[in-house]
């Protein structure tokens, strides 16, 4: 088990592509960019991006990230099956 699971990033900003929790909205998201004093997030199922202060996000735990990745994969599978 990773002992740093769920803690803040040392530099204060997560890398692009990281799965995070927006604690203000209680919503899981993917980091799209860090611009100025904000981090841009997009929900794991897609949709419109939103801005949030870095202190209002946290990394997902391993269990939360597995659930998020599974959701992304299932959404992609549904789109593939529905598009044929």
PDB file of N, CA and C in Angstrom:
ATOM      1  N   UNK A   1       0.847  -1.185   0.000  1.00  0.00           N
ATOM      2  CA  UNK A   1       0.000   0.000   0.000  1.00  0.00           C
ATOM      3  C   UNK A   1       0.882   1.234   0.000  1.00  0.00           C
ATOM      4  N   UNK A   2       0.504   2.219  -0.783  1.00  0.00           N
ATOM      5  CA  UNK A   2       1.251   3.463  -0.866  1.00  0.00           C
ATOM      6  C   UNK A   2       0.938   4.325   0.351  1.00  0.00           C
ATOM      7  N   UNK A   3       1.942   4.702   1.125  1.00  0.00           N
ATOM      8  CA  UNK A   3       1.699   5.480   2.341  1.00  0.00           C
ATOM      9  C   UNK A   3       1.426   6.946   2.052  1.00  0.00           C
ATOM     10  N   UNK A   4       1.704   7.413   0.833  1.00  0.00           N
ATOM     11  CA  UNK A   4       1.425   8.804   0.490  1.00  0.00           C
ATOM     12  C   UNK A   4       0.057   8.961  -0.160  1.00  0.00           C
ATOM     13  N   UNK A   5      -0.681   7.873  -0.242  1.00  0.00           N
ATOM     14  CA  UNK A   5      -1.990   7.867  -0.871  1.00  0.00           C
ATOM     15  C   UNK A   5      -2.906   8.940  -0.267  1.00  0.00           C
ATOM     16  N   UNK A   6      -3.505   9.757  -1.141  1.00  0.00           N
ATOM     17  CA  UNK A   6      -4.466  10.750  -0.678  1.00  0.00           C
ATOM     18  C   UNK A   6      -3.840  12.009  -0.111  1.00  0.00           C
ATOM     19  N   UNK A   7      -2.525  12.185  -0.230  1.00  0.00           N
ATOM     20  CA  UNK A   7      -1.886  13.386   0.302  1.00  0.00           C
ATOM     21  C   UNK A   7      -1.678  14.409  -0.804  1.00  0.00           C
ATOM     22  N   UNK A   8      -1.282  15.599  -0.441  1.00  0.00           N
ATOM     23  CA  UNK A   8      -1.048  16.682  -1.405  1.00  0.00           C
ATOM     24  C   UNK A   8       0.240  16.444  -2.175  1.00  0.00           C
ATOM     25  N   UNK A   9       0.366  17.112  -3.321  1.00  0.00           N
ATOM     26  CA  UNK A   9       1.575  17.039  -4.126  1.00  0.00           C
ATOM     27  C   UNK A   9       2.592  18.007  -3.553  1.00  0.00           C
ATOM     28  N   UNK A  10       3.882  17.621  -3.530  1.00  0.00           N
ATOM     29  CA  UNK A  10       4.901  18.501  -2.949  1.00  0.00           C
ATOM     30  C   UNK A  10       4.946  19.882  -3.600  1.00  0.00           C
ATOM     31  N   UNK A  11       4.812  19.948  -4.924  1.00  0.00           N
ATOM     32  CA  UNK A  11       4.890  21.237  -5.616  1.00  0.00           C
ATOM     33  C   UNK A  11       3.548  21.966  -5.637  1.00  0.00           C
ATOM     34  N   UNK A  12       2.482  21.339  -5.112  1.00  0.00           N
ATOM     35  CA  UNK A  12       1.188  21.985  -5.005  1.00  0.00           C
ATOM     36  C   UNK A  12       0.273  21.830  -6.201  1.00  0.00           C
ATOM     37  N   UNK A  13       0.789  21.345  -7.342  1.00  0.00           N
ATOM     38  CA  UNK A  13      -0.032  21.197  -8.543  1.00  0.00           C
ATOM     39  C   UNK A  13       0.151  19.792  -9.096  1.00  0.00           C
ATOM     40  N   UNK A  14      -0.953  19.085  -9.344  1.00  0.00           N
ATOM     41  CA  UNK A  14      -0.852  17.728  -9.888  1.00  0.00           C
ATOM     42  C   UNK A  14      -0.463  17.751 -11.357  1.00  0.00           C
ATOM     43  N   UNK A  15       0.106  16.675 -11.864  1.00  0.00           N
ATOM     44  CA  UNK A  15       0.460  16.614 -13.282  1.00  0.00           C
ATOM     45  C   UNK A  15      -0.783  16.457 -14.164  1.00  0.00           C
ATOM     46  N   UNK A  16      -0.679  16.899 -15.405  1.00  0.00           N
ATOM     47  CA  UNK A  16      -1.756  16.720 -16.376  1.00  0.00           C
ATOM     48  C   UNK A  16      -2.029  15.216 -16.510  1.00  0.00           C
ATOM     49  N   UNK A  17      -3.304  14.858 -16.523  1.00  0.00           N
ATOM     50  CA  UNK A  17      -3.701  13.459 -16.630  1.00  0.00           C
ATOM     51  C   UNK A  17      -3.960  12.785 -15.296  1.00  0.00           C
ATOM     52  N   UNK A  18      -3.622  13.460 -14.192  1.00  0.00           N
ATOM     53  CA  UNK A  18      -3.835  12.872 -12.865  1.00  0.00           C
ATOM     54  C   UNK A  18      -5.326  12.834 -12.535  1.00  0.00           C
ATOM     55  N   UNK A  19      -5.745  11.778 -11.854  1.00  0.00           N
ATOM     56  CA  UNK A  19      -7.110  11.676 -11.358  1.00  0.00           C
ATOM     57  C   UNK A  19      -7.154  12.331  -9.987  1.00  0.00           C
ATOM     58  N   UNK A  20      -8.108  13.246  -9.792  1.00  0.00           N
ATOM     59  CA  UNK A  20      -8.205  13.998  -8.546  1.00  0.00           C
ATOM     60  C   UNK A  20      -9.657  14.090  -8.089  1.00  0.00           C
ATOM     61  N   UNK A  21      -9.835  14.534  -6.869  1.00  0.00           N
ATOM     62  CA  UNK A  21     -11.168  14.821  -6.321  1.00  0.00           C
ATOM     63  C   UNK A  21     -11.265  16.314  -6.084  1.00  0.00           C
ATOM     64  N   UNK A  22     -12.260  16.952  -6.695  1.00  0.00           N
ATOM     65  CA  UNK A  22     -12.577  18.347  -6.414  1.00  0.00           C
ATOM     66  C   UNK A  22     -13.378  18.315  -5.118  1.00  0.00           C
ATOM     67  N   UNK A  23     -12.759  18.732  -4.025  1.00  0.00           N
ATOM     68  CA  UNK A  23     -13.407  18.607  -2.716  1.00  0.00           C
ATOM     69  C   UNK A  23     -14.558  19.595  -2.550  1.00  0.00           C
ATOM     70  N   UNK A  24     -14.544  20.692  -3.286  1.00  0.00           N
ATOM     71  CA  UNK A  24     -15.638  21.662  -3.197  1.00  0.00           C
ATOM     72  C   UNK A  24     -16.901  21.106  -3.841  1.00  0.00           C
ATOM     73  N   UNK A  25     -16.752  20.435  -4.998  1.00  0.00           N
ATOM     74  CA  UNK A  25     -17.904  19.874  -5.717  1.00  0.00           C
ATOM     75  C   UNK A  25     -18.148  18.396  -5.396  1.00  0.00           C
ATOM     76  N   UNK A  26     -17.242  17.778  -4.641  1.00  0.00           N
ATOM     77  CA  UNK A  26     -17.307  16.337  -4.355  1.00  0.00           C
ATOM     78  C   UNK A  26     -17.418  15.546  -5.658  1.00  0.00           C
ATOM     79  N   UNK A  27     -16.503  15.859  -6.597  1.00  0.00           N
ATOM     80  CA  UNK A  27     -16.559  15.249  -7.925  1.00  0.00           C
ATOM     81  C   UNK A  27     -15.162  14.800  -8.345  1.00  0.00           C
ATOM     82  N   UNK A  28     -15.079  13.589  -8.901  1.00  0.00           N
ATOM     83  CA  UNK A  28     -13.816  13.079  -9.422  1.00  0.00           C
ATOM     84  C   UNK A  28     -13.585  13.658 -10.809  1.00  0.00           C
ATOM     85  N   UNK A  29     -12.304  13.930 -11.124  1.00  0.00           N
ATOM     86  CA  UNK A  29     -11.978  14.588 -12.383  1.00  0.00           C
ATOM     87  C   UNK A  29     -10.570  14.234 -12.822  1.00  0.00           C
ATOM     88  N   UNK A  30     -10.234  14.655 -14.044  1.00  0.00           N
ATOM     89  CA  UNK A  30      -8.896  14.502 -14.608  1.00  0.00           C
ATOM     90  C   UNK A  30      -8.306  15.890 -14.782  1.00  0.00           C
ATOM     91  N   UNK A  31      -7.033  16.056 -14.419  1.00  0.00           N
ATOM     92  CA  UNK A  31      -6.352  17.337 -14.593  1.00  0.00           C
ATOM     93  C   UNK A  31      -6.060  17.545 -16.073  1.00  0.00           C
ATOM     94  N   UNK A  32      -6.509  18.686 -16.610  1.00  0.00           N
ATOM     95  CA  UNK A  32      -6.300  19.019 -18.008  1.00  0.00           C
ATOM     96  C   UNK A  32      -5.175  20.039 -18.189  1.00  0.00           C
ATOM     97  N   UNK A  33      -5.006  20.948 -17.216  1.00  0.00           N
ATOM     98  CA  UNK A  33      -3.977  21.987 -17.305  1.00  0.00           C
ATOM     99  C   UNK A  33      -3.879  22.708 -15.972  1.00  0.00           C
ATOM    100  N   UNK A  34      -2.799  23.435 -15.810  1.00  0.00           N
ATOM    101  CA  UNK A  34      -2.625  24.330 -14.671  1.00  0.00           C
ATOM    102  C   UNK A  34      -2.244  25.688 -15.249  1.00  0.00           C
ATOM    103  N   UNK A  35      -3.120  26.667 -15.068  1.00  0.00           N
ATOM    104  CA  UNK A  35      -2.911  27.985 -15.642  1.00  0.00           C
ATOM    105  C   UNK A  35      -3.114  29.027 -14.551  1.00  0.00           C
ATOM    106  N   UNK A  36      -2.111  29.890 -14.397  1.00  0.00           N
ATOM    107  CA  UNK A  36      -2.204  30.900 -13.347  1.00  0.00           C
ATOM    108  C   UNK A  36      -2.312  30.227 -12.000  1.00  0.00           C
ATOM    109  N   UNK A  37      -3.234  30.663 -11.198  1.00  0.00           N
ATOM    110  CA  UNK A  37      -3.426  30.083  -9.872  1.00  0.00           C
ATOM    111  C   UNK A  37      -4.494  29.016  -9.833  1.00  0.00           C
ATOM    112  N   UNK A  38      -4.883  28.492 -10.995  1.00  0.00           N
ATOM    113  CA  UNK A  38      -5.963  27.509 -11.062  1.00  0.00           C
ATOM    114  C   UNK A  38      -5.531  26.236 -11.769  1.00  0.00           C
ATOM    115  N   UNK A  39      -6.248  25.159 -11.447  1.00  0.00           N
ATOM    116  CA  UNK A  39      -6.088  23.878 -12.137  1.00  0.00           C
ATOM    117  C   UNK A  39      -7.380  23.659 -12.913  1.00  0.00           C
ATOM    118  N   UNK A  40      -7.257  23.298 -14.189  1.00  0.00           N
ATOM    119  CA  UNK A  40      -8.439  23.016 -15.000  1.00  0.00           C
ATOM    120  C   UNK A  40      -8.733  21.523 -14.948  1.00  0.00           C
ATOM    121  N   UNK A  41      -9.975  21.199 -14.626  1.00  0.00           N
ATOM    122  CA  UNK A  41     -10.407  19.814 -14.483  1.00  0.00           C
ATOM    123  C   UNK A  41     -11.515  19.500 -15.471  1.00  0.00           C
ATOM    124  N   UNK A  42     -11.633  18.219 -15.808  1.00  0.00           N
ATOM    125  CA  UNK A  42     -12.752  17.711 -16.597  1.00  0.00           C
ATOM    126  C   UNK A  42     -13.231  16.448 -15.909  1.00  0.00           C
ATOM    127  N   UNK A  43     -14.532  16.290 -15.785  1.00  0.00           N
ATOM    128  CA  UNK A  43     -15.105  15.099 -15.167  1.00  0.00           C
ATOM    129  C   UNK A  43     -14.605  13.836 -15.850  1.00  0.00           C
ATOM    130  N   UNK A  44     -14.542  12.741 -15.128  1.00  0.00           N
ATOM    131  CA  UNK A  44     -13.980  11.518 -15.696  1.00  0.00           C
ATOM    132  C   UNK A  44     -14.800  10.966 -16.845  1.00  0.00           C
ATOM    133  N   UNK A  45     -16.076  11.323 -16.937  1.00  0.00           N
ATOM    134  CA  UNK A  45     -16.896  10.891 -18.073  1.00  0.00           C
ATOM    135  C   UNK A  45     -16.876  11.911 -19.200  1.00  0.00           C
ATOM    136  N   UNK A  46     -16.091  12.970 -19.065  1.00  0.00           N
ATOM    137  CA  UNK A  46     -16.020  14.009 -20.084  1.00  0.00           C
ATOM    138  C   UNK A  46     -16.822  15.226 -19.668  1.00  0.00           C
ATOM    139  N   UNK A  47     -17.136  16.062 -20.647  1.00  0.00           N
ATOM    140  CA  UNK A  47     -17.927  17.253 -20.362  1.00  0.00           C
ATOM    141  C   UNK A  47     -17.078  18.515 -20.346  1.00  0.00           C
ATOM    142  N   UNK A  48     -17.670  19.565 -19.846  1.00  0.00           N
ATOM    143  CA  UNK A  48     -17.039  20.875 -19.815  1.00  0.00           C
ATOM    144  C   UNK A  48     -16.003  20.959 -18.697  1.00  0.00           C
ATOM    145  N   UNK A  49     -14.887  21.598 -18.996  1.00  0.00           N
ATOM    146  CA  UNK A  49     -13.847  21.814 -17.986  1.00  0.00           C
ATOM    147  C   UNK A  49     -14.267  22.919 -17.025  1.00  0.00           C
ATOM    148  N   UNK A  50     -13.695  22.875 -15.825  1.00  0.00           N
ATOM    149  CA  UNK A  50     -13.902  23.943 -14.858  1.00  0.00           C
ATOM    150  C   UNK A  50     -12.589  24.225 -14.152  1.00  0.00           C
ATOM    151  N   UNK A  51     -12.506  25.414 -13.574  1.00  0.00           N
ATOM    152  CA  UNK A  51     -11.306  25.852 -12.851  1.00  0.00           C
ATOM    153  C   UNK A  51     -11.507  25.682 -11.360  1.00  0.00           C
ATOM    154  N   UNK A  52     -10.420  25.322 -10.688  1.00  0.00           N
ATOM    155  CA  UNK A  52     -10.464  25.160  -9.240  1.00  0.00           C
ATOM    156  C   UNK A  52      -9.088  25.523  -8.675  1.00  0.00           C
ATOM    157  N   UNK A  53      -9.086  26.059  -7.487  1.00  0.00           N
ATOM    158  CA  UNK A  53      -7.828  26.360  -6.793  1.00  0.00           C
ATOM    159  C   UNK A  53      -7.166  25.047  -6.390  1.00  0.00           C
ATOM    160  N   UNK A  54      -5.828  24.968  -6.475  1.00  0.00           N
ATOM    161  CA  UNK A  54      -5.131  23.717  -6.134  1.00  0.00           C
ATOM    162  C   UNK A  54      -5.436  23.201  -4.726  1.00  0.00           C
ATOM    163  N   UNK A  55      -5.697  24.094  -3.794  1.00  0.00           N
ATOM    164  CA  UNK A  55      -5.963  23.631  -2.428  1.00  0.00           C
ATOM    165  C   UNK A  55      -7.336  22.976  -2.283  1.00  0.00           C
ATOM    166  N   UNK A  56      -8.176  23.050  -3.306  1.00  0.00           N
ATOM    167  CA  UNK A  56      -9.505  22.432  -3.274  1.00  0.00           C
ATOM    168  C   UNK A  56      -9.538  21.077  -3.971  1.00  0.00           C
ATOM    169  N   UNK A  57      -8.352  20.537  -4.318  1.00  0.00           N
ATOM    170  CA  UNK A  57      -8.311  19.210  -4.917  1.00  0.00           C
ATOM    171  C   UNK A  57      -7.351  18.324  -4.140  1.00  0.00           C
ATOM    172  N   UNK A  58      -7.569  17.034  -4.268  1.00  0.00           N
ATOM    173  CA  UNK A  58      -6.662  16.063  -3.649  1.00  0.00           C
ATOM    174  C   UNK A  58      -6.534  14.873  -4.593  1.00  0.00           C
ATOM    175  N   UNK A  59      -5.413  14.151  -4.497  1.00  0.00           N
ATOM    176  CA  UNK A  59      -5.280  12.946  -5.320  1.00  0.00           C
ATOM    177  C   UNK A  59      -6.310  11.903  -4.893  1.00  0.00           C
ATOM    178  N   UNK A  60      -6.713  11.072  -5.820  1.00  0.00           N
ATOM    179  CA  UNK A  60      -7.591   9.962  -5.469  1.00  0.00           C
ATOM    180  C   UNK A  60      -6.776   8.884  -4.772  1.00  0.00           C
ATOM    181  N   UNK A  61      -7.404   8.170  -3.869  1.00  0.00           N
ATOM    182  CA  UNK A  61      -6.755   7.006  -3.282  1.00  0.00           C
ATOM    183  C   UNK A  61      -6.664   5.935  -4.362  1.00  0.00           C
ATOM    184  N   UNK A  62      -5.920   4.896  -4.119  1.00  0.00           N
ATOM    185  CA  UNK A  62      -5.787   3.815  -5.103  1.00  0.00           C
ATOM    186  C   UNK A  62      -7.147   3.215  -5.431  1.00  0.00           C
ATOM    187  N   UNK A  63      -7.976   3.014  -4.461  1.00  0.00           N
ATOM    188  CA  UNK A  63      -9.317   2.442  -4.674  1.00  0.00           C
ATOM    189  C   UNK A  63     -10.182   3.389  -5.497  1.00  0.00           C
ATOM    190  N   UNK A  64     -10.143   4.694  -5.168  1.00  0.00           N
ATOM    191  CA  UNK A  64     -10.923   5.675  -5.922  1.00  0.00           C
ATOM    192  C   UNK A  64     -10.438   5.770  -7.370  1.00  0.00           C
ATOM    193  N   UNK A  65      -9.118   5.712  -7.563  1.00  0.00           N
ATOM    194  CA  UNK A  65      -8.572   5.793  -8.916  1.00  0.00           C
ATOM    195  C   UNK A  65      -8.958   4.569  -9.743  1.00  0.00           C
ATOM    196  N   UNK A  66      -8.942   3.398  -9.134  1.00  0.00           N
ATOM    197  CA  UNK A  66      -9.366   2.191  -9.847  1.00  0.00           C
ATOM    198  C   UNK A  66     -10.818   2.320 -10.297  1.00  0.00           C
ATOM    199  N   UNK A  67     -11.664   2.827  -9.429  1.00  0.00           N
ATOM    200  CA  UNK A  67     -13.072   3.028  -9.767  1.00  0.00           C
ATOM    201  C   UNK A  67     -13.212   4.046 -10.904  1.00  0.00           C
ATOM    202  N   UNK A  68     -12.434   5.131 -10.851  1.00  0.00           N
ATOM    203  CA  UNK A  68     -12.488   6.155 -11.900  1.00  0.00           C
ATOM    204  C   UNK A  68     -12.017   5.597 -13.231  1.00  0.00           C
ATOM    205  N   UNK A  69     -10.914   4.855 -13.218  1.00  0.00           N
ATOM    206  CA  UNK A  69     -10.399   4.270 -14.468  1.00  0.00           C
ATOM    207  C   UNK A  69     -11.386   3.258 -15.056  1.00  0.00           C
ATOM    208  N   UNK A  70     -12.046   2.496 -14.202  1.00  0.00           N
ATOM    209  CA  UNK A  70     -13.052   1.541 -14.665  1.00  0.00           C
ATOM    210  C   UNK A  70     -14.219   2.275 -15.311  1.00  0.00           C
ATOM    211  N   UNK A  71     -14.625   3.382 -14.719  1.00  0.00           N
ATOM    212  CA  UNK A  71     -15.707   4.181 -15.279  1.00  0.00           C
ATOM    213  C   UNK A  71     -15.337   4.737 -16.648  1.00  0.00           C
ATOM    214  N   UNK A  72     -14.093   5.223 -16.789  1.00  0.00           N
ATOM    215  CA  UNK A  72     -13.617   5.737 -18.077  1.00  0.00           C
ATOM    216  C   UNK A  72     -13.646   4.622 -19.120  1.00  0.00           C
ATOM    217  N   UNK A  73     -13.138   3.455 -18.755  1.00  0.00           N
ATOM    218  CA  UNK A  73     -13.109   2.327 -19.687  1.00  0.00           C
ATOM    219  C   UNK A  73     -14.516   1.896 -20.093  1.00  0.00           C
ATOM    220  N   UNK A  74     -15.430   1.825 -19.126  1.00  0.00           N
ATOM    221  CA  UNK A  74     -16.801   1.430 -19.436  1.00  0.00           C
ATOM    222  C   UNK A  74     -17.482   2.442 -20.355  1.00  0.00           C
ATOM    223  N   UNK A  75     -17.246   3.712 -20.130  1.00  0.00           N
ATOM    224  CA  UNK A  75     -17.811   4.748 -20.995  1.00  0.00           C
ATOM    225  C   UNK A  75     -17.277   4.590 -22.412  1.00  0.00           C
ATOM    226  N   UNK A  76     -15.982   4.365 -22.547  1.00  0.00           N
ATOM    227  CA  UNK A  76     -15.376   4.176 -23.868  1.00  0.00           C
ATOM    228  C   UNK A  76     -15.968   2.947 -24.563  1.00  0.00           C
ATOM    229  N   UNK A  77     -16.166   1.886 -23.833  1.00  0.00           N
ATOM    230  CA  UNK A  77     -16.744   0.664 -24.409  1.00  0.00           C
ATOM    231  C   UNK A  77     -18.165   0.905 -24.894  1.00  0.00           C
ATOM    232  N   UNK A  78     -18.964   1.622 -24.096  1.00  0.00           N
ATOM    233  CA  UNK A  78     -20.343   1.931 -24.498  1.00  0.00           C
ATOM    234  C   UNK A  78     -20.354   2.770 -25.763  1.00  0.00           C
ATOM    235  N   UNK A  79     -19.452   3.721 -25.875  1.00  0.00           N
ATOM    236  CA  UNK A  79     -19.386   4.573 -27.063  1.00  0.00           C
ATOM    237  C   UNK A  79     -19.004   3.757 -28.292  1.00  0.00           C
ATOM    238  N   UNK A  80     -18.059   2.829 -28.115  1.00  0.00           N
ATOM    239  CA  UNK A  80     -17.634   1.967 -29.237  1.00  0.00           C
ATOM    240  C   UNK A  80     -18.777   1.064 -29.694  1.00  0.00           C
ATOM    241  N   UNK A  81     -19.450   0.447 -28.751  1.00  0.00           N
ATOM    242  CA  UNK A  81     -20.535  -0.476 -29.085  1.00  0.00           C
ATOM    243  C   UNK A  81     -21.704   0.294 -29.701  1.00  0.00           C
ATOM    244  N   UNK A  82     -22.036   1.452 -29.154  1.00  0.00           N
ATOM    245  CA  UNK A  82     -23.149   2.250 -29.661  1.00  0.00           C
ATOM    246  C   UNK A  82     -22.854   2.890 -31.013  1.00  0.00           C
ATOM    247  N   UNK A  83     -21.571   3.069 -31.339  1.00  0.00           N
ATOM    248  CA  UNK A  83     -21.198   3.719 -32.582  1.00  0.00           C
ATOM    249  C   UNK A  83     -21.112   2.800 -33.774  1.00  0.00           C
ATOM    250  N   UNK A  84     -21.242   1.500 -33.550  1.00  0.00           N
ATOM    251  CA  UNK A  84     -21.107   0.552 -34.669  1.00  0.00           C
ATOM    252  C   UNK A  84     -22.413   0.298 -35.351  1.00  0.00           C
TER     253      UNK A  84
END
